[in-house]
Amino acid sequence: MRIRLSKDAALFLRSEQRYLERFNPRAAEAVLRQLRGSMRLLLDYPQAGSPIEALEGRRRFVSGEYVIDYRMEKGILSVSHIRHGRQLPPDLLADAPADEGN
């Protein structure tokens, strides 16, 4: 079994690490360690996340302040998105209202 990150998920991890390192390198390492641990947990317990109703076969797992969207296929944990819990889920971004303060 293995973990495969989408380009979006890998980009988020890199940018979040860089951002956190500017303020607290130890916190950056702790967050990455936590997220890697959560993904390893999902390899063993793929049903741990909640189903995403709008996306058949996909699940969402909360890891501390972060959210991991994934699916399990043929022993591969495919992570499509990782985001901070305060960010909108990717499937809702298209529905977000445009800024009306122009």
N, C-alpha and C. Protein backbone atom coordinates (compact mmCIF):
# COMPACT_ATOMS: atom_id res chain seq x y z
N MET A 1 0.84 -1.18 0.00
CA MET A 1 0.00 0.00 0.00
C MET A 1 0.88 1.24 0.00
N ARG A 2 0.37 2.26 -0.70
CA ARG A 2 1.16 3.50 -0.77
C ARG A 2 0.25 4.71 -0.85
N ILE A 3 0.86 5.88 -0.75
CA ILE A 3 0.15 7.15 -0.77
C ILE A 3 0.54 7.91 -2.03
N ARG A 4 -0.48 8.42 -2.72
CA ARG A 4 -0.22 9.24 -3.90
C ARG A 4 -0.89 10.60 -3.68
N LEU A 5 -0.10 11.66 -3.78
CA LEU A 5 -0.62 13.02 -3.62
C LEU A 5 -0.88 13.64 -4.99
N SER A 6 -2.01 14.31 -5.13
CA SER A 6 -2.25 15.08 -6.35
C SER A 6 -1.29 16.27 -6.36
N LYS A 7 -1.20 16.92 -7.50
CA LYS A 7 -0.35 18.12 -7.58
C LYS A 7 -0.84 19.19 -6.60
N ASP A 8 -2.17 19.34 -6.50
CA ASP A 8 -2.72 20.33 -5.56
C ASP A 8 -2.34 20.01 -4.12
N ALA A 9 -2.45 18.74 -3.73
CA ALA A 9 -2.12 18.35 -2.36
C ALA A 9 -0.64 18.56 -2.07
N ALA A 10 0.22 18.16 -3.00
CA ALA A 10 1.66 18.34 -2.81
C ALA A 10 2.03 19.82 -2.75
N LEU A 11 1.41 20.63 -3.60
CA LEU A 11 1.66 22.08 -3.60
C LEU A 11 1.23 22.70 -2.27
N PHE A 12 0.07 22.28 -1.76
CA PHE A 12 -0.39 22.81 -0.48
C PHE A 12 0.61 22.47 0.62
N LEU A 13 1.08 21.22 0.67
CA LEU A 13 2.03 20.83 1.72
C LEU A 13 3.29 21.68 1.66
N ARG A 14 3.83 21.87 0.45
CA ARG A 14 5.05 22.68 0.31
C ARG A 14 4.81 24.13 0.73
N SER A 15 3.71 24.70 0.26
CA SER A 15 3.47 26.12 0.58
C SER A 15 3.14 26.30 2.06
N GLU A 16 2.42 25.36 2.65
CA GLU A 16 2.10 25.47 4.08
C GLU A 16 3.37 25.32 4.92
N GLN A 17 4.26 24.42 4.50
CA GLN A 17 5.52 24.25 5.22
C GLN A 17 6.33 25.55 5.16
N ARG A 18 6.46 26.13 3.97
CA ARG A 18 7.22 27.38 3.83
C ARG A 18 6.61 28.50 4.67
N TYR A 19 5.29 28.59 4.64
CA TYR A 19 4.60 29.64 5.40
C TYR A 19 4.87 29.47 6.90
N LEU A 20 4.66 28.27 7.43
CA LEU A 20 4.83 28.03 8.86
C LEU A 20 6.29 28.18 9.30
N GLU A 21 7.23 27.78 8.43
CA GLU A 21 8.65 27.89 8.78
C GLU A 21 9.08 29.33 9.01
N ARG A 22 8.42 30.27 8.35
CA ARG A 22 8.76 31.69 8.54
C ARG A 22 8.50 32.12 9.98
N PHE A 23 7.53 31.53 10.63
CA PHE A 23 7.14 31.93 11.98
C PHE A 23 7.62 30.97 13.06
N ASN A 24 7.61 29.66 12.73
CA ASN A 24 7.96 28.67 13.74
C ASN A 24 8.35 27.36 13.06
N PRO A 25 9.65 27.14 12.84
CA PRO A 25 10.09 25.93 12.16
C PRO A 25 9.64 24.64 12.85
N ARG A 26 9.60 24.65 14.17
CA ARG A 26 9.15 23.44 14.89
C ARG A 26 7.68 23.15 14.61
N ALA A 27 6.88 24.18 14.56
CA ALA A 27 5.46 24.00 14.26
C ALA A 27 5.28 23.45 12.84
N ALA A 28 6.09 23.94 11.91
CA ALA A 28 6.01 23.45 10.53
C ALA A 28 6.30 21.96 10.48
N GLU A 29 7.34 21.53 11.16
CA GLU A 29 7.68 20.10 11.19
C GLU A 29 6.59 19.29 11.88
N ALA A 30 6.04 19.82 12.95
CA ALA A 30 4.98 19.11 13.68
C ALA A 30 3.74 18.92 12.81
N VAL A 31 3.37 19.95 12.06
CA VAL A 31 2.20 19.85 11.18
C VAL A 31 2.44 18.81 10.10
N LEU A 32 3.60 18.84 9.48
CA LEU A 32 3.89 17.85 8.43
C LEU A 32 3.92 16.43 9.00
N ARG A 33 4.49 16.28 10.18
CA ARG A 33 4.53 14.97 10.83
C ARG A 33 3.10 14.48 11.12
N GLN A 34 2.26 15.38 11.60
CA GLN A 34 0.87 15.04 11.90
C GLN A 34 0.13 14.61 10.63
N LEU A 35 0.28 15.37 9.54
CA LEU A 35 -0.42 15.04 8.30
C LEU A 35 0.08 13.73 7.71
N ARG A 36 1.39 13.50 7.75
CA ARG A 36 1.92 12.22 7.25
C ARG A 36 1.39 11.07 8.09
N GLY A 37 1.33 11.26 9.41
CA GLY A 37 0.79 10.23 10.29
C GLY A 37 -0.67 9.93 10.00
N SER A 38 -1.43 10.97 9.73
CA SER A 38 -2.85 10.79 9.40
C SER A 38 -3.01 10.02 8.09
N MET A 39 -2.18 10.32 7.11
CA MET A 39 -2.26 9.59 5.84
C MET A 39 -1.87 8.12 6.02
N ARG A 40 -0.88 7.85 6.86
CA ARG A 40 -0.53 6.45 7.14
C ARG A 40 -1.68 5.75 7.86
N LEU A 41 -2.35 6.44 8.76
CA LEU A 41 -3.51 5.89 9.45
C LEU A 41 -4.60 5.54 8.44
N LEU A 42 -4.82 6.42 7.47
CA LEU A 42 -5.85 6.17 6.46
C LEU A 42 -5.52 4.97 5.58
N LEU A 43 -4.25 4.67 5.40
CA LEU A 43 -3.89 3.45 4.67
C LEU A 43 -4.44 2.22 5.39
N ASP A 44 -4.35 2.22 6.71
CA ASP A 44 -4.84 1.09 7.50
C ASP A 44 -6.34 1.13 7.74
N TYR A 45 -6.89 2.33 7.82
CA TYR A 45 -8.32 2.50 8.13
C TYR A 45 -8.95 3.47 7.12
N PRO A 46 -9.09 3.05 5.86
CA PRO A 46 -9.58 3.97 4.83
C PRO A 46 -11.00 4.47 5.06
N GLN A 47 -11.78 3.77 5.86
CA GLN A 47 -13.15 4.21 6.14
C GLN A 47 -13.22 5.24 7.27
N ALA A 48 -12.07 5.65 7.80
CA ALA A 48 -12.05 6.58 8.93
C ALA A 48 -12.63 7.95 8.57
N GLY A 49 -12.48 8.35 7.34
CA GLY A 49 -13.01 9.64 6.92
C GLY A 49 -14.50 9.57 6.62
N SER A 50 -15.13 10.72 6.62
CA SER A 50 -16.56 10.80 6.30
C SER A 50 -16.74 10.84 4.79
N PRO A 51 -17.76 10.16 4.27
CA PRO A 51 -18.02 10.22 2.82
C PRO A 51 -18.35 11.65 2.38
N ILE A 52 -17.89 12.02 1.20
CA ILE A 52 -18.24 13.30 0.60
C ILE A 52 -19.40 13.01 -0.34
N GLU A 53 -20.58 13.44 0.03
CA GLU A 53 -21.78 13.09 -0.73
C GLU A 53 -21.71 13.51 -2.19
N ALA A 54 -21.18 14.68 -2.46
CA ALA A 54 -21.15 15.20 -3.83
C ALA A 54 -20.12 14.49 -4.72
N LEU A 55 -19.19 13.77 -4.11
CA LEU A 55 -18.12 13.12 -4.87
C LEU A 55 -18.06 11.64 -4.50
N GLU A 56 -18.70 10.82 -5.28
CA GLU A 56 -18.79 9.40 -4.99
C GLU A 56 -17.41 8.77 -4.85
N GLY A 57 -17.24 7.98 -3.80
CA GLY A 57 -15.98 7.29 -3.56
C GLY A 57 -14.94 8.11 -2.82
N ARG A 58 -15.20 9.38 -2.63
CA ARG A 58 -14.24 10.24 -1.92
C ARG A 58 -14.65 10.38 -0.47
N ARG A 59 -13.64 10.59 0.37
CA ARG A 59 -13.86 10.77 1.80
C ARG A 59 -13.09 11.98 2.28
N ARG A 60 -13.47 12.47 3.46
CA ARG A 60 -12.84 13.64 4.06
C ARG A 60 -12.46 13.28 5.49
N PHE A 61 -11.19 13.54 5.84
CA PHE A 61 -10.66 13.21 7.17
C PHE A 61 -10.09 14.48 7.79
N VAL A 62 -10.47 14.74 9.03
CA VAL A 62 -9.96 15.91 9.75
C VAL A 62 -8.74 15.49 10.55
N SER A 63 -7.64 16.21 10.34
CA SER A 63 -6.38 15.95 11.03
C SER A 63 -5.95 17.25 11.71
N GLY A 64 -6.28 17.39 12.98
CA GLY A 64 -5.98 18.64 13.68
C GLY A 64 -6.76 19.77 13.03
N GLU A 65 -6.05 20.80 12.58
CA GLU A 65 -6.70 21.94 11.93
C GLU A 65 -6.78 21.78 10.42
N TYR A 66 -6.42 20.61 9.90
CA TYR A 66 -6.36 20.38 8.47
C TYR A 66 -7.38 19.33 8.04
N VAL A 67 -7.71 19.38 6.75
CA VAL A 67 -8.68 18.46 6.18
C VAL A 67 -8.03 17.77 4.98
N ILE A 68 -8.18 16.46 4.93
CA ILE A 68 -7.61 15.65 3.86
C ILE A 68 -8.76 15.03 3.07
N ASP A 69 -8.83 15.29 1.76
CA ASP A 69 -9.80 14.66 0.88
C ASP A 69 -9.08 13.55 0.13
N TYR A 70 -9.68 12.37 0.09
CA TYR A 70 -8.98 11.21 -0.46
C TYR A 70 -9.95 10.15 -0.96
N ARG A 71 -9.39 9.17 -1.63
CA ARG A 71 -10.10 7.94 -1.96
C ARG A 71 -9.08 6.81 -1.92
N MET A 72 -9.56 5.61 -1.71
CA MET A 72 -8.70 4.43 -1.67
C MET A 72 -9.04 3.58 -2.89
N GLU A 73 -8.02 3.25 -3.67
CA GLU A 73 -8.20 2.43 -4.87
C GLU A 73 -7.05 1.45 -4.99
N LYS A 74 -7.40 0.18 -5.01
CA LYS A 74 -6.40 -0.88 -5.24
C LYS A 74 -5.18 -0.72 -4.35
N GLY A 75 -5.39 -0.44 -3.08
CA GLY A 75 -4.29 -0.33 -2.13
C GLY A 75 -3.53 0.98 -2.18
N ILE A 76 -4.02 1.94 -2.97
CA ILE A 76 -3.36 3.24 -3.07
C ILE A 76 -4.28 4.30 -2.46
N LEU A 77 -3.75 5.05 -1.51
CA LEU A 77 -4.47 6.18 -0.93
C LEU A 77 -4.19 7.38 -1.82
N SER A 78 -5.19 7.82 -2.58
CA SER A 78 -5.05 8.97 -3.48
C SER A 78 -5.60 10.20 -2.78
N VAL A 79 -4.70 11.11 -2.43
CA VAL A 79 -5.08 12.34 -1.74
C VAL A 79 -5.26 13.43 -2.79
N SER A 80 -6.50 13.91 -2.93
CA SER A 80 -6.77 14.93 -3.94
C SER A 80 -6.52 16.34 -3.42
N HIS A 81 -6.86 16.58 -2.15
CA HIS A 81 -6.69 17.92 -1.58
C HIS A 81 -6.33 17.83 -0.10
N ILE A 82 -5.52 18.77 0.32
CA ILE A 82 -5.27 19.01 1.74
C ILE A 82 -5.44 20.50 1.92
N ARG A 83 -6.13 20.90 2.98
CA ARG A 83 -6.36 22.32 3.20
C ARG A 83 -6.49 22.58 4.68
N HIS A 84 -6.33 23.83 5.06
CA HIS A 84 -6.61 24.24 6.43
C HIS A 84 -8.12 24.23 6.60
N GLY A 85 -8.60 23.87 7.77
CA GLY A 85 -10.03 23.77 8.02
C GLY A 85 -10.79 25.07 7.83
N ARG A 86 -10.11 26.20 7.87
CA ARG A 86 -10.78 27.50 7.67
C ARG A 86 -10.95 27.84 6.19
N GLN A 87 -10.32 27.06 5.33
CA GLN A 87 -10.48 27.30 3.89
C GLN A 87 -11.72 26.58 3.39
N LEU A 88 -12.32 27.10 2.33
CA LEU A 88 -13.48 26.44 1.73
C LEU A 88 -13.06 25.12 1.10
N PRO A 89 -13.91 24.11 1.19
CA PRO A 89 -13.61 22.86 0.49
C PRO A 89 -13.54 23.11 -1.01
N PRO A 90 -12.70 22.37 -1.73
CA PRO A 90 -12.53 22.61 -3.16
C PRO A 90 -13.82 22.45 -3.95
N ASP A 91 -14.72 21.57 -3.51
CA ASP A 91 -15.96 21.37 -4.26
C ASP A 91 -16.95 22.51 -4.04
N LEU A 92 -16.67 23.42 -3.10
CA LEU A 92 -17.55 24.56 -2.86
C LEU A 92 -16.98 25.86 -3.42
N LEU A 93 -15.73 25.85 -3.83
CA LEU A 93 -15.11 27.09 -4.31
C LEU A 93 -15.84 27.67 -5.51
N ALA A 94 -16.32 26.82 -6.41
CA ALA A 94 -17.01 27.30 -7.60
C ALA A 94 -18.33 27.99 -7.24
N ASP A 95 -18.91 27.62 -6.09
CA ASP A 95 -20.18 28.19 -5.68
C ASP A 95 -20.03 29.43 -4.81
N ALA A 96 -18.81 29.83 -4.50
CA ALA A 96 -18.59 30.99 -3.63
C ALA A 96 -19.05 32.25 -4.35
N PRO A 97 -19.74 33.15 -3.65
CA PRO A 97 -20.21 34.38 -4.29
C PRO A 97 -19.05 35.28 -4.69
N ALA A 98 -19.21 35.94 -5.81
CA ALA A 98 -18.18 36.88 -6.27
C ALA A 98 -18.18 38.09 -5.36
N ASP A 99 -17.04 38.76 -5.28
CA ASP A 99 -16.93 39.96 -4.46
C ASP A 99 -17.81 41.05 -5.06
N GLU A 100 -18.79 41.49 -4.29
CA GLU A 100 -19.74 42.49 -4.79
C GLU A 100 -19.29 43.91 -4.48
N GLY A 101 -18.15 44.07 -3.84
CA GLY A 101 -17.70 45.40 -3.44
C GLY A 101 -16.88 46.11 -4.49
N ASN A 102 -17.05 45.79 -5.76
CA ASN A 102 -16.26 46.43 -6.82
C ASN A 102 -16.52 47.88 -6.91
